[in-house]
Amino acid sequence: MLPMLGACQSQVRSGSASPAGVTVLEIAQADYQPADGSGSSDAEAAACSAWSLDTHQAEAFFGLSEQLPEGGLHDFYWLPCSIKGRLQAEGREWAFEINAAGTSTWRSSDDVRLLGCSRSACEPFVILMPQQPVE
């Protein structure tokens, strides 16, 4: 498992409008959940508790994210830290979970969507960005 960064990225506090069609209805505090069988880390727990997103930041994160193709999660890290909530999009309500490493999962009934945020503009909203390919 990759260690979490010792401090979170600076938080963007923007009053900008939400992306078209996505409204965050509810958002919780970050939750630190180490993988089964792995021990907890005080540094990871501290970094996770310091990470937060408000509704506008989550909406901006979703606006920058792209739906991932099958197998697309392999391009991202995973951290034992996530923020859950509810959003309205496409005329229905979704439960979402944002992982601190730049991915999110949306669930509505049997529909599941995986999204990833790998643009440099995503950096203020996550703890760990995906590795960029060397060009």
C-alpha atoms as a PDB file:
ATOM      1  CA  MET A   1       0.000   0.000   0.000  1.00  0.00           C
ATOM      2  CA  LEU A   2       1.245   3.477  -0.798  1.00  0.00           C
ATOM      3  CA  PRO A   3       1.676   5.808   2.148  1.00  0.00           C
ATOM      4  CA  MET A   4      -0.604   8.809   2.153  1.00  0.00           C
ATOM      5  CA  LEU A   5       0.972  12.201   1.804  1.00  0.00           C
ATOM      6  CA  GLY A   6       1.804  13.817   5.103  1.00  0.00           C
ATOM      7  CA  ALA A   7      -0.431  16.796   4.411  1.00  0.00           C
ATOM      8  CA  CYS A   8      -3.314  17.353   2.122  1.00  0.00           C
ATOM      9  CA  GLN A   9      -3.199  19.560  -0.878  1.00  0.00           C
ATOM     10  CA  SER A  10      -4.368  23.118  -0.401  1.00  0.00           C
ATOM     11  CA  GLN A  11      -8.125  23.268  -0.561  1.00  0.00           C
ATOM     12  CA  VAL A  12      -9.850  25.334  -3.218  1.00  0.00           C
ATOM     13  CA  ARG A  13     -12.759  27.321  -1.828  1.00  0.00           C
ATOM     14  CA  SER A  14     -14.477  28.414  -4.971  1.00  0.00           C
ATOM     15  CA  GLY A  15     -17.912  29.910  -5.260  1.00  0.00           C
ATOM     16  CA  SER A  16     -18.161  28.810  -8.882  1.00  0.00           C
ATOM     17  CA  ALA A  17     -21.332  27.271 -10.218  1.00  0.00           C
ATOM     18  CA  SER A  18     -21.681  23.515 -10.251  1.00  0.00           C
ATOM     19  CA  PRO A  19     -21.148  21.575 -13.470  1.00  0.00           C
ATOM     20  CA  ALA A  20     -24.262  21.326 -15.595  1.00  0.00           C
ATOM     21  CA  GLY A  21     -26.660  18.767 -14.241  1.00  0.00           C
ATOM     22  CA  VAL A  22     -24.782  17.737 -11.056  1.00  0.00           C
ATOM     23  CA  THR A  23     -25.953  18.954  -7.666  1.00  0.00           C
ATOM     24  CA  VAL A  24     -24.450  17.559  -4.465  1.00  0.00           C
ATOM     25  CA  LEU A  25     -27.279  17.135  -1.963  1.00  0.00           C
ATOM     26  CA  GLU A  26     -25.296  15.830   1.003  1.00  0.00           C
ATOM     27  CA  ILE A  27     -21.621  15.311   1.793  1.00  0.00           C
ATOM     28  CA  ALA A  28     -19.971  13.694   4.810  1.00  0.00           C
ATOM     29  CA  GLN A  29     -16.587  14.095   6.443  1.00  0.00           C
ATOM     30  CA  ALA A  30     -13.708  11.955   5.240  1.00  0.00           C
ATOM     31  CA  ASP A  31     -13.693   8.414   6.598  1.00  0.00           C
ATOM     32  CA  TYR A  32     -10.474   6.458   7.178  1.00  0.00           C
ATOM     33  CA  GLN A  33     -10.980   2.726   6.507  1.00  0.00           C
ATOM     34  CA  PRO A  34      -7.764   0.664   6.223  1.00  0.00           C
ATOM     35  CA  ALA A  35      -8.078  -2.421   4.023  1.00  0.00           C
ATOM     36  CA  ASP A  36      -8.977  -5.660   5.788  1.00  0.00           C
ATOM     37  CA  GLY A  37      -5.867  -7.249   7.230  1.00  0.00           C
ATOM     38  CA  SER A  38      -3.733  -4.122   7.073  1.00  0.00           C
ATOM     39  CA  GLY A  39      -2.897  -2.153  10.144  1.00  0.00           C
ATOM     40  CA  SER A  40      -3.942   1.428  10.597  1.00  0.00           C
ATOM     41  CA  SER A  41      -1.418   4.218  10.263  1.00  0.00           C
ATOM     42  CA  ASP A  42      -1.508   7.342  12.421  1.00  0.00           C
ATOM     43  CA  ALA A  43      -0.088   9.397   9.528  1.00  0.00           C
ATOM     44  CA  GLU A  44      -2.716   8.097   7.099  1.00  0.00           C
ATOM     45  CA  ALA A  45      -5.499   8.672   9.614  1.00  0.00           C
ATOM     46  CA  ALA A  46      -4.290  12.238  10.245  1.00  0.00           C
ATOM     47  CA  ALA A  47      -4.043  13.035   6.518  1.00  0.00           C
ATOM     48  CA  CYS A  48      -7.504  11.613   5.962  1.00  0.00           C
ATOM     49  CA  SER A  49      -9.090  13.586   8.783  1.00  0.00           C
ATOM     50  CA  ALA A  50      -7.494  16.780   7.435  1.00  0.00           C
ATOM     51  CA  TRP A  51      -8.953  16.202   3.938  1.00  0.00           C
ATOM     52  CA  SER A  52     -12.370  17.678   3.263  1.00  0.00           C
ATOM     53  CA  LEU A  53     -14.575  18.756   0.393  1.00  0.00           C
ATOM     54  CA  ASP A  54     -17.622  20.978   0.531  1.00  0.00           C
ATOM     55  CA  THR A  55     -20.539  20.622  -1.885  1.00  0.00           C
ATOM     56  CA  HIS A  56     -19.079  23.105  -4.386  1.00  0.00           C
ATOM     57  CA  GLN A  57     -15.679  21.383  -4.365  1.00  0.00           C
ATOM     58  CA  ALA A  58     -17.278  17.965  -4.883  1.00  0.00           C
ATOM     59  CA  GLU A  59     -19.324  19.351  -7.792  1.00  0.00           C
ATOM     60  CA  ALA A  60     -16.138  20.802  -9.321  1.00  0.00           C
ATOM     61  CA  PHE A  61     -14.368  17.446  -8.844  1.00  0.00           C
ATOM     62  CA  PHE A  62     -17.201  15.643 -10.649  1.00  0.00           C
ATOM     63  CA  GLY A  63     -17.121  18.256 -13.424  1.00  0.00           C
ATOM     64  CA  LEU A  64     -13.420  17.540 -14.005  1.00  0.00           C
ATOM     65  CA  SER A  65     -13.827  13.760 -13.792  1.00  0.00           C
ATOM     66  CA  GLU A  66     -14.300  11.419 -16.718  1.00  0.00           C
ATOM     67  CA  GLN A  67     -16.159   8.134 -16.782  1.00  0.00           C
ATOM     68  CA  LEU A  68     -13.607   5.329 -16.699  1.00  0.00           C
ATOM     69  CA  PRO A  69     -13.577   2.506 -19.226  1.00  0.00           C
ATOM     70  CA  GLU A  70     -13.495  -1.076 -17.991  1.00  0.00           C
ATOM     71  CA  GLY A  71     -10.129  -1.579 -16.275  1.00  0.00           C
ATOM     72  CA  GLY A  72      -9.604   2.191 -15.973  1.00  0.00           C
ATOM     73  CA  LEU A  73      -9.233   2.081 -12.200  1.00  0.00           C
ATOM     74  CA  HIS A  74      -5.791   0.514 -12.696  1.00  0.00           C
ATOM     75  CA  ASP A  75      -4.500   3.945 -13.741  1.00  0.00           C
ATOM     76  CA  PHE A  76      -5.232   5.300 -10.250  1.00  0.00           C
ATOM     77  CA  TYR A  77      -3.947   4.606  -6.760  1.00  0.00           C
ATOM     78  CA  TRP A  78      -6.298   3.696  -3.910  1.00  0.00           C
ATOM     79  CA  LEU A  79      -6.200   5.201  -0.434  1.00  0.00           C
ATOM     80  CA  PRO A  80      -8.087   4.058   2.676  1.00  0.00           C
ATOM     81  CA  CYS A  81      -9.821   7.424   2.836  1.00  0.00           C
ATOM     82  CA  SER A  82     -13.082   8.471   1.207  1.00  0.00           C
ATOM     83  CA  ILE A  83     -15.911  10.963   1.333  1.00  0.00           C
ATOM     84  CA  LYS A  84     -19.479   9.779   0.811  1.00  0.00           C
ATOM     85  CA  GLY A  85     -22.632  11.632  -0.037  1.00  0.00           C
ATOM     86  CA  ARG A  86     -25.631  11.979  -2.322  1.00  0.00           C
ATOM     87  CA  LEU A  87     -26.025  13.876  -5.578  1.00  0.00           C
ATOM     88  CA  GLN A  88     -28.676  14.626  -8.166  1.00  0.00           C
ATOM     89  CA  ALA A  89     -27.790  14.050 -11.845  1.00  0.00           C
ATOM     90  CA  GLU A  90     -29.597  12.878 -14.956  1.00  0.00           C
ATOM     91  CA  GLY A  91     -32.956  13.245 -13.239  1.00  0.00           C
ATOM     92  CA  ARG A  92     -32.207  10.844 -10.393  1.00  0.00           C
ATOM     93  CA  GLU A  93     -30.430  10.581  -7.083  1.00  0.00           C
ATOM     94  CA  TRP A  94     -27.072   8.828  -6.764  1.00  0.00           C
ATOM     95  CA  ALA A  95     -25.018   7.759  -3.748  1.00  0.00           C
ATOM     96  CA  PHE A  96     -21.365   8.653  -4.319  1.00  0.00           C
ATOM     97  CA  GLU A  97     -18.013   7.849  -2.779  1.00  0.00           C
ATOM     98  CA  ILE A  98     -14.901   9.882  -3.616  1.00  0.00           C
ATOM     99  CA  ASN A  99     -11.591   8.155  -2.904  1.00  0.00           C
ATOM    100  CA  ALA A 100      -8.755  10.474  -1.822  1.00  0.00           C
ATOM    101  CA  ALA A 101      -6.690   9.184  -4.771  1.00  0.00           C
ATOM    102  CA  GLY A 102      -8.923  10.734  -7.445  1.00  0.00           C
ATOM    103  CA  THR A 103     -11.672   8.241  -8.233  1.00  0.00           C
ATOM    104  CA  SER A 104     -15.355   8.170  -7.462  1.00  0.00           C
ATOM    105  CA  THR A 105     -18.152   5.656  -7.638  1.00  0.00           C
ATOM    106  CA  TRP A 106     -21.780   6.620  -8.253  1.00  0.00           C
ATOM    107  CA  ARG A 107     -24.614   4.192  -7.480  1.00  0.00           C
ATOM    108  CA  SER A 108     -28.295   4.493  -8.356  1.00  0.00           C
ATOM    109  CA  SER A 109     -30.408   1.323  -8.198  1.00  0.00           C
ATOM    110  CA  ASP A 110     -28.455  -1.231 -10.252  1.00  0.00           C
ATOM    111  CA  ASP A 111     -26.485   1.407 -12.175  1.00  0.00           C
ATOM    112  CA  VAL A 112     -22.836   1.894 -11.112  1.00  0.00           C
ATOM    113  CA  ARG A 113     -20.481   4.465 -12.622  1.00  0.00           C
ATOM    114  CA  LEU A 114     -16.738   4.736 -12.051  1.00  0.00           C
ATOM    115  CA  LEU A 115     -15.107   8.095 -12.618  1.00  0.00           C
ATOM    116  CA  GLY A 116     -11.535   9.314 -12.418  1.00  0.00           C
ATOM    117  CA  CYS A 117     -10.076  12.781 -12.063  1.00  0.00           C
ATOM    118  CA  SER A 118      -6.558  12.886 -13.488  1.00  0.00           C
ATOM    119  CA  ARG A 119      -6.339  16.466 -14.798  1.00  0.00           C
ATOM    120  CA  SER A 120      -3.964  18.815 -13.002  1.00  0.00           C
ATOM    121  CA  ALA A 121      -7.012  20.901 -11.990  1.00  0.00           C
ATOM    122  CA  CYS A 122      -8.112  17.917  -9.841  1.00  0.00           C
ATOM    123  CA  GLU A 123      -5.087  18.171  -7.546  1.00  0.00           C
ATOM    124  CA  PRO A 124      -6.646  20.557  -4.981  1.00  0.00           C
ATOM    125  CA  PHE A 125      -9.513  18.105  -4.435  1.00  0.00           C
ATOM    126  CA  VAL A 126      -7.535  14.921  -3.641  1.00  0.00           C
ATOM    127  CA  ILE A 127      -4.661  13.734  -1.491  1.00  0.00           C
ATOM    128  CA  LEU A 128      -2.841  11.649  -4.119  1.00  0.00           C
ATOM    129  CA  MET A 129      -2.954  12.180  -7.887  1.00  0.00           C
ATOM    130  CA  PRO A 130      -2.378   9.317 -10.364  1.00  0.00           C
ATOM    131  CA  GLN A 131       1.081   8.967 -11.860  1.00  0.00           C
ATOM    132  CA  GLN A 132       1.310  10.765 -15.154  1.00  0.00           C
ATOM    133  CA  PRO A 133       2.931   8.801 -17.996  1.00  0.00           C
ATOM    134  CA  VAL A 134       6.444   9.861 -18.918  1.00  0.00           C
ATOM    135  CA  GLU A 135       6.469  11.460 -22.367  1.00  0.00           C
END
